[in-house]
Amino acid sequence: GGFDLLYAGTEDKAVMIELTGHRVPRNRLKEAIQFAHAEIQDGLKSLRHFGREVKSQKPPGPKTITEAPSIDNLVEAAREECRAEFESVFLNPPNGRNEREKALWDIRLATREALAQ
């Protein structure tokens, strides 16, 4: 009859065998176990190769940490970057509130992009 075989092993021997089925002939079971043992050898070979590759890789070098700019420096840089644009919006206001809001929004976006660089 049919059966299911779960096999776990090392290079040399079986570690666990689980079998479900009815009336499995002994010679068929022996063939299945031999087949399973041969099949896991390729997997073990791949794992050993992978382990050697990992061991041979150099660990990443030390990371250089740069000091983040202070909030005061960022605020001052933002002021300098957008001073002329703000003055233009407030000294020569666009027609209408919506146009002024859009102009201020554009300044915000341009300032973000400039500071991100």
Foldseek 3Di string as FASTA:
>chain_A
DDKDWDWDDDLPDTPDIDMDDPDDDPVNVVVVHVVVSVVCVVVVVVVVVVVVVVVPDDDDDDDDDDDDDDPVVLVVLLCVQCVVLVCCCVVVNDPDDVVSVVSVVVSVVVSVVVVVD
